Every structure is written in structure tokens, then in C-alpha cells.
Amino acid sequence: RQAPGREREFVAAITRGGGSTYFADSVKGRFTISRDNAKN
């Protein structure tokens, strides 16, 4: 994510199979990342 006048900030990531996720401390516990490879 990027707010006006701010640097681009990492939020979340997910591995290609969806088995592992990683979150920035600022969103941990509030945000969830997921993927549906069948739906791309």
C-alpha cells in the first residue's frame, strides 16, 4: 500500500500454494491474505 507522500509499504504475502503467509506488524491480527488458484 502507498499513501500520498509516503513510501510504498509491505502489507502481506502468501506462498504460491497458499500454505504460508506473512504480515506486516501494522496489520497483523487484522488482515488476512488468501488465494484461490482455480480462480486465479
All heavy atoms as atom14 arrays in JSON, in Angstrom:
{
  "sequence": "RQAPGREREFVAAITRGGGSTYFADSVKGRFTISRDNAKN",
  "atom14_mask": [
    [1, 1, 1, 1, 1, 1, 1, 1, 1, 1, 1, 0, 0, 0],
    [1, 1, 1, 1, 1, 1, 1, 1, 1, 0, 0, 0, 0, 0],
    [1, 1, 1, 1, 1, 0, 0, 0, 0, 0, 0, 0, 0, 0],
    [1, 1, 1, 1, 1, 1, 1, 0, 0, 0, 0, 0, 0, 0],
    [1, 1, 1, 1, 0, 0, 0, 0, 0, 0, 0, 0, 0, 0],
    [1, 1, 1, 1, 1, 1, 1, 1, 1, 1, 1, 0, 0, 0],
    [1, 1, 1, 1, 1, 1, 1, 1, 1, 0, 0, 0, 0, 0],
    [1, 1, 1, 1, 1, 1, 1, 1, 1, 1, 1, 0, 0, 0],
    [1, 1, 1, 1, 1, 1, 1, 1, 1, 0, 0, 0, 0, 0],
    [1, 1, 1, 1, 1, 1, 1, 1, 1, 1, 1, 0, 0, 0],
    [1, 1, 1, 1, 1, 1, 1, 0, 0, 0, 0, 0, 0, 0],
    [1, 1, 1, 1, 1, 0, 0, 0, 0, 0, 0, 0, 0, 0],
    [1, 1, 1, 1, 1, 0, 0, 0, 0, 0, 0, 0, 0, 0],
    [1, 1, 1, 1, 1, 1, 1, 1, 0, 0, 0, 0, 0, 0],
    [1, 1, 1, 1, 1, 1, 1, 0, 0, 0, 0, 0, 0, 0],
    [1, 1, 1, 1, 1, 1, 1, 1, 1, 1, 1, 0, 0, 0],
    [1, 1, 1, 1, 0, 0, 0, 0, 0, 0, 0, 0, 0, 0],
    [1, 1, 1, 1, 0, 0, 0, 0, 0, 0, 0, 0, 0, 0],
    [1, 1, 1, 1, 0, 0, 0, 0, 0, 0, 0, 0, 0, 0],
    [1, 1, 1, 1, 1, 1, 0, 0, 0, 0, 0, 0, 0, 0],
    [1, 1, 1, 1, 1, 1, 1, 0, 0, 0, 0, 0, 0, 0],
    [1, 1, 1, 1, 1, 1, 1, 1, 1, 1, 1, 1, 0, 0],
    [1, 1, 1, 1, 1, 1, 1, 1, 1, 1, 1, 0, 0, 0],
    [1, 1, 1, 1, 1, 0, 0, 0, 0, 0, 0, 0, 0, 0],
    [1, 1, 1, 1, 1, 1, 1, 1, 0, 0, 0, 0, 0, 0],
    [1, 1, 1, 1, 1, 1, 0, 0, 0, 0, 0, 0, 0, 0],
    [1, 1, 1, 1, 1, 1, 1, 0, 0, 0, 0, 0, 0, 0],
    [1, 1, 1, 1, 1, 1, 1, 1, 1, 0, 0, 0, 0, 0],
    [1, 1, 1, 1, 0, 0, 0, 0, 0, 0, 0, 0, 0, 0],
    [1, 1, 1, 1, 1, 1, 1, 1, 1, 1, 1, 0, 0, 0],
    [1, 1, 1, 1, 1, 1, 1, 1, 1, 1, 1, 0, 0, 0],
    [1, 1, 1, 1, 1, 1, 1, 0, 0, 0, 0, 0, 0, 0],
    [1, 1, 1, 1, 1, 1, 1, 1, 0, 0, 0, 0, 0, 0],
    [1, 1, 1, 1, 1, 1, 0, 0, 0, 0, 0, 0, 0, 0],
    [1, 1, 1, 1, 1, 1, 1, 1, 1, 1, 1, 0, 0, 0],
    [1, 1, 1, 1, 1, 1, 1, 1, 0, 0, 0, 0, 0, 0],
    [1, 1, 1, 1, 1, 1, 1, 1, 0, 0, 0, 0, 0, 0],
    [1, 1, 1, 1, 1, 0, 0, 0, 0, 0, 0, 0, 0, 0],
    [1, 1, 1, 1, 1, 1, 1, 1, 1, 0, 0, 0, 0, 0],
    [1, 1, 1, 1, 1, 1, 1, 1, 0, 0, 0, 0, 0, 0]
  ],
  "atom14_positions": [
    [[0.83, -1.19, 0.0], [0.0, 0.0, 0.0], [0.87, 1.24, 0.0], [2.02, 1.23, 0.45], [-0.95, 0.01, 1.2], [-0.27, 0.1, 2.56], [-1.29, -0.13, 3.66], [-0.71, 0.02, 4.98], [-1.35, -0.24, 6.11], [-2.61, -0.68, 6.07], [-0.75, -0.08, 7.28], [0.0, 0.0, 0.0], [0.0, 0.0, 0.0], [0.0, 0.0, 0.0]],
    [[0.3, 2.33, -0.51], [1.02, 3.59, -0.57], [0.05, 4.74, -0.36], [-0.93, 4.87, -1.1], [1.75, 3.75, -1.91], [2.66, 4.96, -1.97], [3.58, 4.93, -3.18], [3.26, 4.32, -4.19], [4.71, 5.59, -3.07], [0.0, 0.0, 0.0], [0.0, 0.0, 0.0], [0.0, 0.0, 0.0], [0.0, 0.0, 0.0], [0.0, 0.0, 0.0]],
    [[0.32, 5.54, 0.64], [-0.44, 6.75, 0.9], [0.28, 7.94, 0.28], [1.49, 7.9, 0.07], [-0.62, 6.94, 2.4], [0.0, 0.0, 0.0], [0.0, 0.0, 0.0], [0.0, 0.0, 0.0], [0.0, 0.0, 0.0], [0.0, 0.0, 0.0], [0.0, 0.0, 0.0], [0.0, 0.0, 0.0], [0.0, 0.0, 0.0], [0.0, 0.0, 0.0]],
    [[-0.44, 9.03, -0.01], [0.2, 10.22, -0.59], [1.36, 10.71, 0.27], [1.23, 10.85, 1.48], [-0.93, 11.24, -0.63], [-2.17, 10.42, -0.72], [-1.89, 9.2, 0.12], [0.0, 0.0, 0.0], [0.0, 0.0, 0.0], [0.0, 0.0, 0.0], [0.0, 0.0, 0.0], [0.0, 0.0, 0.0], [0.0, 0.0, 0.0], [0.0, 0.0, 0.0]],
    [[2.5, 10.94, -0.37], [3.67, 11.42, 0.33], [4.4, 10.37, 1.14], [5.35, 10.7, 1.86], [0.0, 0.0, 0.0], [0.0, 0.0, 0.0], [0.0, 0.0, 0.0], [0.0, 0.0, 0.0], [0.0, 0.0, 0.0], [0.0, 0.0, 0.0], [0.0, 0.0, 0.0], [0.0, 0.0, 0.0], [0.0, 0.0, 0.0], [0.0, 0.0, 0.0]],
    [[3.97, 9.12, 1.06], [4.59, 8.04, 1.81], [5.28, 7.05, 0.89], [4.96, 6.94, -0.29], [3.53, 7.29, 2.64], [2.81, 8.12, 3.67], [3.71, 8.5, 4.83], [2.93, 8.93, 5.99], [2.79, 8.24, 7.11], [3.41, 7.09, 7.26], [2.05, 8.72, 8.09], [0.0, 0.0, 0.0], [0.0, 0.0, 0.0], [0.0, 0.0, 0.0]],
    [[6.21, 6.31, 1.45], [6.84, 5.22, 0.72], [5.88, 4.05, 0.6], [4.98, 3.87, 1.43], [8.11, 4.76, 1.44], [9.22, 5.8, 1.5], [9.85, 6.01, 0.15], [9.98, 5.04, -0.62], [10.22, 7.16, -0.15], [0.0, 0.0, 0.0], [0.0, 0.0, 0.0], [0.0, 0.0, 0.0], [0.0, 0.0, 0.0], [0.0, 0.0, 0.0]],
    [[6.05, 3.26, -0.44], [5.27, 2.05, -0.57], [5.6, 1.11, 0.58], [6.76, 0.93, 0.94], [5.57, 1.38, -1.92], [4.68, 0.18, -2.22], [5.0, -0.38, -3.59], [6.37, -0.83, -3.67], [7.01, -1.06, -4.81], [6.39, -0.88, -5.96], [8.26, -1.48, -4.78], [0.0, 0.0, 0.0], [0.0, 0.0, 0.0], [0.0, 0.0, 0.0]],
    [[4.57, 0.5, 1.16], [4.69, -0.28, 2.37], [4.2, -1.71, 2.15], [3.12, -1.92, 1.6], [3.88, 0.38, 3.49], [3.85, -0.38, 4.8], [2.89, 0.24, 5.79], [1.94, 0.93, 5.36], [3.09, 0.05, 7.01], [0.0, 0.0, 0.0], [0.0, 0.0, 0.0], [0.0, 0.0, 0.0], [0.0, 0.0, 0.0], [0.0, 0.0, 0.0]],
    [[4.99, -2.66, 2.59], [4.57, -4.06, 2.55], [3.41, -4.3, 3.49], [3.39, -3.79, 4.62], [5.75, -4.97, 2.93], [5.35, -6.4, 3.11], [5.14, -7.23, 2.02], [5.17, -6.93, 4.38], [4.77, -8.54, 2.17], [4.8, -8.25, 4.55], [4.6, -9.06, 3.44], [0.0, 0.0, 0.0], [0.0, 0.0, 0.0], [0.0, 0.0, 0.0]],
    [[2.45, -5.11, 3.04], [1.28, -5.43, 3.85], [1.22, -6.92, 4.18], [1.15, -7.3, 5.34], [-0.02, -4.99, 3.16], [-1.24, -5.43, 3.97], [-0.03, -3.49, 2.95], [0.0, 0.0, 0.0], [0.0, 0.0, 0.0], [0.0, 0.0, 0.0], [0.0, 0.0, 0.0], [0.0, 0.0, 0.0], [0.0, 0.0, 0.0], [0.0, 0.0, 0.0]],
    [[1.23, -7.76, 3.15], [1.06, -9.19, 3.35], [1.58, -9.96, 2.15], [1.63, -9.43, 1.04], [-0.41, -9.54, 3.59], [0.0, 0.0, 0.0], [0.0, 0.0, 0.0], [0.0, 0.0, 0.0], [0.0, 0.0, 0.0], [0.0, 0.0, 0.0], [0.0, 0.0, 0.0], [0.0, 0.0, 0.0], [0.0, 0.0, 0.0], [0.0, 0.0, 0.0]],
    [[1.94, -11.21, 2.37], [2.39, -12.08, 1.29], [1.91, -13.5, 1.53], [1.66, -13.9, 2.67], [3.92, -12.06, 1.17], [0.0, 0.0, 0.0], [0.0, 0.0, 0.0], [0.0, 0.0, 0.0], [0.0, 0.0, 0.0], [0.0, 0.0, 0.0], [0.0, 0.0, 0.0], [0.0, 0.0, 0.0], [0.0, 0.0, 0.0], [0.0, 0.0, 0.0]],
    [[1.81, -14.26, 0.45], [1.37, -15.64, 0.52], [2.17, -16.46, -0.48], [2.46, -16.01, -1.58], [-0.16, -15.75, 0.25], [-0.67, -17.16, 0.5], [-0.49, -15.27, -1.16], [-2.19, -17.24, 0.56], [0.0, 0.0, 0.0], [0.0, 0.0, 0.0], [0.0, 0.0, 0.0], [0.0, 0.0, 0.0], [0.0, 0.0, 0.0], [0.0, 0.0, 0.0]],
    [[2.55, -17.67, -0.07], [3.32, -18.53, -0.95], [2.45, -19.05, -2.09], [1.22, -18.94, -2.07], [3.9, -19.71, -0.17], [2.86, -20.37, 0.56], [4.96, -19.23, 0.82], [0.0, 0.0, 0.0], [0.0, 0.0, 0.0], [0.0, 0.0, 0.0], [0.0, 0.0, 0.0], [0.0, 0.0, 0.0], [0.0, 0.0, 0.0], [0.0, 0.0, 0.0]],
    [[3.09, -19.62, -3.09], [2.36, -19.98, -4.3], [1.27, -21.02, -4.08], [0.27, -21.02, -4.8], [3.34, -20.46, -5.39], [4.14, -21.69, -5.01], [5.15, -21.98, -6.11], [5.94, -23.18, -5.83], [6.87, -23.66, -6.63], [7.14, -23.03, -7.77], [7.55, -24.74, -6.3], [0.0, 0.0, 0.0], [0.0, 0.0, 0.0], [0.0, 0.0, 0.0]],
    [[1.44, -21.88, -3.11], [0.41, -22.85, -2.79], [-0.56, -22.39, -1.72], [-1.54, -23.09, -1.44], [0.0, 0.0, 0.0], [0.0, 0.0, 0.0], [0.0, 0.0, 0.0], [0.0, 0.0, 0.0], [0.0, 0.0, 0.0], [0.0, 0.0, 0.0], [0.0, 0.0, 0.0], [0.0, 0.0, 0.0], [0.0, 0.0, 0.0], [0.0, 0.0, 0.0]],
    [[-0.3, -21.25, -1.12], [-1.17, -20.71, -0.09], [-0.93, -21.28, 1.29], [-1.69, -20.98, 2.22], [0.0, 0.0, 0.0], [0.0, 0.0, 0.0], [0.0, 0.0, 0.0], [0.0, 0.0, 0.0], [0.0, 0.0, 0.0], [0.0, 0.0, 0.0], [0.0, 0.0, 0.0], [0.0, 0.0, 0.0], [0.0, 0.0, 0.0], [0.0, 0.0, 0.0]],
    [[0.12, -22.07, 1.46], [0.36, -22.73, 2.73], [0.97, -21.86, 3.8], [0.85, -22.17, 4.99], [0.0, 0.0, 0.0], [0.0, 0.0, 0.0], [0.0, 0.0, 0.0], [0.0, 0.0, 0.0], [0.0, 0.0, 0.0], [0.0, 0.0, 0.0], [0.0, 0.0, 0.0], [0.0, 0.0, 0.0], [0.0, 0.0, 0.0], [0.0, 0.0, 0.0]],
    [[1.63, -20.78, 3.4], [2.29, -19.9, 4.36], [1.96, -18.45, 4.04], [1.86, -18.08, 2.87], [3.8, -20.09, 4.34], [4.16, -21.4, 4.76], [0.0, 0.0, 0.0], [0.0, 0.0, 0.0], [0.0, 0.0, 0.0], [0.0, 0.0, 0.0], [0.0, 0.0, 0.0], [0.0, 0.0, 0.0], [0.0, 0.0, 0.0], [0.0, 0.0, 0.0]],
    [[1.81, -17.65, 5.08], [1.53, -16.22, 4.92], [2.42, -15.42, 5.84], [2.95, -15.93, 6.83], [0.06, -15.91, 5.22], [-0.25, -16.31, 6.56], [-0.86, -16.64, 4.26], [0.0, 0.0, 0.0], [0.0, 0.0, 0.0], [0.0, 0.0, 0.0], [0.0, 0.0, 0.0], [0.0, 0.0, 0.0], [0.0, 0.0, 0.0], [0.0, 0.0, 0.0]],
    [[2.58, -14.15, 5.51], [3.38, -13.25, 6.32], [2.75, -11.88, 6.28], [2.32, -11.41, 5.22], [4.82, -13.19, 5.8], [5.73, -12.37, 6.66], [6.17, -12.84, 7.89], [6.15, -11.1, 6.25], [7.01, -12.08, 8.68], [6.98, -10.34, 7.04], [7.41, -10.83, 8.26], [8.24, -10.08, 9.04], [0.0, 0.0, 0.0], [0.0, 0.0, 0.0]],
    [[2.7, -11.19, 7.43], [2.04, -9.9, 7.54], [2.95, -8.87, 8.18], [3.75, -9.19, 9.06], [0.77, -10.02, 8.39], [-0.26, -10.95, 7.82], [-0.27, -12.29, 8.18], [-1.2, -10.5, 6.93], [-1.21, -13.16, 7.66], [-2.16, -11.35, 6.4], [-2.16, -12.68, 6.77], [0.0, 0.0, 0.0], [0.0, 0.0, 0.0], [0.0, 0.0, 0.0]],
    [[2.78, -7.64, 7.74], [3.43, -6.54, 8.42], [2.87, -6.4, 9.83], [1.7, -6.7, 10.08], [3.22, -5.24, 7.65], [0.0, 0.0, 0.0], [0.0, 0.0, 0.0], [0.0, 0.0, 0.0], [0.0, 0.0, 0.0], [0.0, 0.0, 0.0], [0.0, 0.0, 0.0], [0.0, 0.0, 0.0], [0.0, 0.0, 0.0], [0.0, 0.0, 0.0]],
    [[3.71, -5.95, 10.76], [3.26, -5.79, 12.14], [2.05, -4.87, 12.25], [1.19, -5.08, 13.11], [4.39, -5.25, 13.0], [5.48, -6.28, 13.26], [5.23, -7.48, 13.08], [6.59, -5.86, 13.66], [0.0, 0.0, 0.0], [0.0, 0.0, 0.0], [0.0, 0.0, 0.0], [0.0, 0.0, 0.0], [0.0, 0.0, 0.0], [0.0, 0.0, 0.0]],
    [[1.96, -3.89, 11.38], [0.89, -2.92, 11.45], [-0.48, -3.49, 11.16], [-1.5, -2.9, 11.54], [1.17, -1.75, 10.5], [1.29, -2.21, 9.17], [0.0, 0.0, 0.0], [0.0, 0.0, 0.0], [0.0, 0.0, 0.0], [0.0, 0.0, 0.0], [0.0, 0.0, 0.0], [0.0, 0.0, 0.0], [0.0, 0.0, 0.0], [0.0, 0.0, 0.0]],
    [[-0.54, -4.64, 10.48], [-1.82, -5.24, 10.12], [-2.01, -6.61, 10.72], [-3.1, -7.2, 10.56], [-1.99, -5.32, 8.59], [-1.79, -3.95, 7.95], [-1.04, -6.34, 7.98], [0.0, 0.0, 0.0], [0.0, 0.0, 0.0], [0.0, 0.0, 0.0], [0.0, 0.0, 0.0], [0.0, 0.0, 0.0], [0.0, 0.0, 0.0], [0.0, 0.0, 0.0]],
    [[-1.02, -7.13, 11.4], [-1.1, -8.47, 11.97], [-2.28, -8.58, 12.92], [-2.48, -7.74, 13.79], [0.22, -8.8, 12.68], [0.47, -10.27, 12.9], [1.91, -10.5, 13.38], [2.92, -10.06, 12.33], [4.32, -10.29, 12.78], [0.0, 0.0, 0.0], [0.0, 0.0, 0.0], [0.0, 0.0, 0.0], [0.0, 0.0, 0.0], [0.0, 0.0, 0.0]],
    [[-3.05, -9.64, 12.75], [-4.23, -9.85, 13.57], [-5.48, -9.2, 13.04], [-6.58, -9.49, 13.53], [0.0, 0.0, 0.0], [0.0, 0.0, 0.0], [0.0, 0.0, 0.0], [0.0, 0.0, 0.0], [0.0, 0.0, 0.0], [0.0, 0.0, 0.0], [0.0, 0.0, 0.0], [0.0, 0.0, 0.0], [0.0, 0.0, 0.0], [0.0, 0.0, 0.0]],
    [[-5.35, -8.32, 12.05], [-6.5, -7.64, 11.47], [-6.74, -8.03, 10.01], [-7.88, -8.08, 9.57], [-6.33, -6.12, 11.55], [-6.19, -5.59, 12.96], [-6.2, -4.06, 12.99], [-5.08, -3.49, 12.25], [-5.2, -2.7, 11.19], [-6.41, -2.37, 10.73], [-4.13, -2.21, 10.59], [0.0, 0.0, 0.0], [0.0, 0.0, 0.0], [0.0, 0.0, 0.0]],
    [[-5.66, -8.29, 9.27], [-5.77, -8.61, 7.85], [-5.48, -10.08, 7.62], [-4.7, -10.7, 8.34], [-4.76, -7.79, 7.03], [-5.07, -6.33, 6.91], [-6.02, -5.71, 7.7], [-4.37, -5.56, 5.98], [-6.29, -4.36, 7.58], [-4.63, -4.2, 5.86], [-5.59, -3.6, 6.66], [0.0, 0.0, 0.0], [0.0, 0.0, 0.0], [0.0, 0.0, 0.0]],
    [[-6.09, -10.63, 6.58], [-5.85, -12.0, 6.16], [-5.64, -12.04, 4.65], [-6.4, -11.43, 3.91], [-7.03, -12.92, 6.53], [-7.23, -12.9, 7.95], [-6.76, -14.35, 6.08], [0.0, 0.0, 0.0], [0.0, 0.0, 0.0], [0.0, 0.0, 0.0], [0.0, 0.0, 0.0], [0.0, 0.0, 0.0], [0.0, 0.0, 0.0], [0.0, 0.0, 0.0]],
    [[-4.61, -12.74, 4.21], [-4.37, -12.92, 2.79], [-4.69, -14.38, 2.44], [-4.4, -15.29, 3.21], [-2.93, -12.56, 2.4], [-2.75, -12.58, 0.88], [-1.91, -13.45, 3.09], [-1.41, -12.02, 0.41], [0.0, 0.0, 0.0], [0.0, 0.0, 0.0], [0.0, 0.0, 0.0], [0.0, 0.0, 0.0], [0.0, 0.0, 0.0], [0.0, 0.0, 0.0]],
    [[-5.31, -14.58, 1.29], [-5.64, -15.92, 0.84], [-5.61, -15.94, -0.68], [-5.56, -14.89, -1.33], [-7.01, -16.36, 1.36], [-8.03, -15.51, 0.89], [0.0, 0.0, 0.0], [0.0, 0.0, 0.0], [0.0, 0.0, 0.0], [0.0, 0.0, 0.0], [0.0, 0.0, 0.0], [0.0, 0.0, 0.0], [0.0, 0.0, 0.0], [0.0, 0.0, 0.0]],
    [[-5.64, -17.13, -1.24], [-5.66, -17.23, -2.69], [-6.5, -18.41, -3.13], [-6.65, -19.4, -2.41], [-4.23, -17.34, -3.26], [-3.49, -18.62, -2.91], [-2.02, -18.52, -3.3], [-1.85, -18.37, -4.74], [-0.75, -17.92, -5.33], [0.3, -17.55, -4.59], [-0.69, -17.82, -6.64], [0.0, 0.0, 0.0], [0.0, 0.0, 0.0], [0.0, 0.0, 0.0]],
    [[-7.06, -18.28, -4.31], [-7.82, -19.34, -4.94], [-7.22, -19.53, -6.32], [-7.53, -18.8, -7.26], [-9.3, -18.96, -5.03], [-10.16, -20.09, -5.54], [-9.64, -21.02, -6.19], [-11.39, -20.05, -5.3], [0.0, 0.0, 0.0], [0.0, 0.0, 0.0], [0.0, 0.0, 0.0], [0.0, 0.0, 0.0], [0.0, 0.0, 0.0], [0.0, 0.0, 0.0]],
    [[-6.33, -20.5, -6.43], [-5.61, -20.68, -7.68], [-6.53, -21.12, -8.82], [-6.26, -20.84, -9.98], [-4.48, -21.69, -7.49], [-3.33, -21.11, -6.7], [-3.24, -19.9, -6.49], [-2.42, -21.98, -6.24], [0.0, 0.0, 0.0], [0.0, 0.0, 0.0], [0.0, 0.0, 0.0], [0.0, 0.0, 0.0], [0.0, 0.0, 0.0], [0.0, 0.0, 0.0]],
    [[-7.62, -21.8, -8.49], [-8.58, -22.19, -9.51], [-9.25, -20.98, -10.15], [-9.67, -21.04, -11.3], [-9.63, -23.13, -8.93], [0.0, 0.0, 0.0], [0.0, 0.0, 0.0], [0.0, 0.0, 0.0], [0.0, 0.0, 0.0], [0.0, 0.0, 0.0], [0.0, 0.0, 0.0], [0.0, 0.0, 0.0], [0.0, 0.0, 0.0], [0.0, 0.0, 0.0]],
    [[-9.37, -19.89, -9.38], [-9.96, -18.65, -9.88], [-8.91, -17.61, -10.26], [-9.27, -16.49, -10.63], [-10.91, -18.06, -8.85], [-12.11, -18.93, -8.55], [-13.02, -18.27, -7.53], [-14.25, -19.11, -7.27], [-15.15, -18.48, -6.27], [0.0, 0.0, 0.0], [0.0, 0.0, 0.0], [0.0, 0.0, 0.0], [0.0, 0.0, 0.0], [0.0, 0.0, 0.0]],
    [[-7.64, -17.96, -10.16], [-6.55, -17.02, -10.46], [-6.7, -15.72, -9.69], [-6.51, -14.63, -10.24], [-6.48, -16.74, -11.96], [-6.02, -17.93, -12.76], [-5.48, -18.9, -12.24], [-6.22, -17.85, -14.08], [0.0, 0.0, 0.0], [0.0, 0.0, 0.0], [0.0, 0.0, 0.0], [0.0, 0.0, 0.0], [0.0, 0.0, 0.0], [0.0, 0.0, 0.0]]
  ]
}
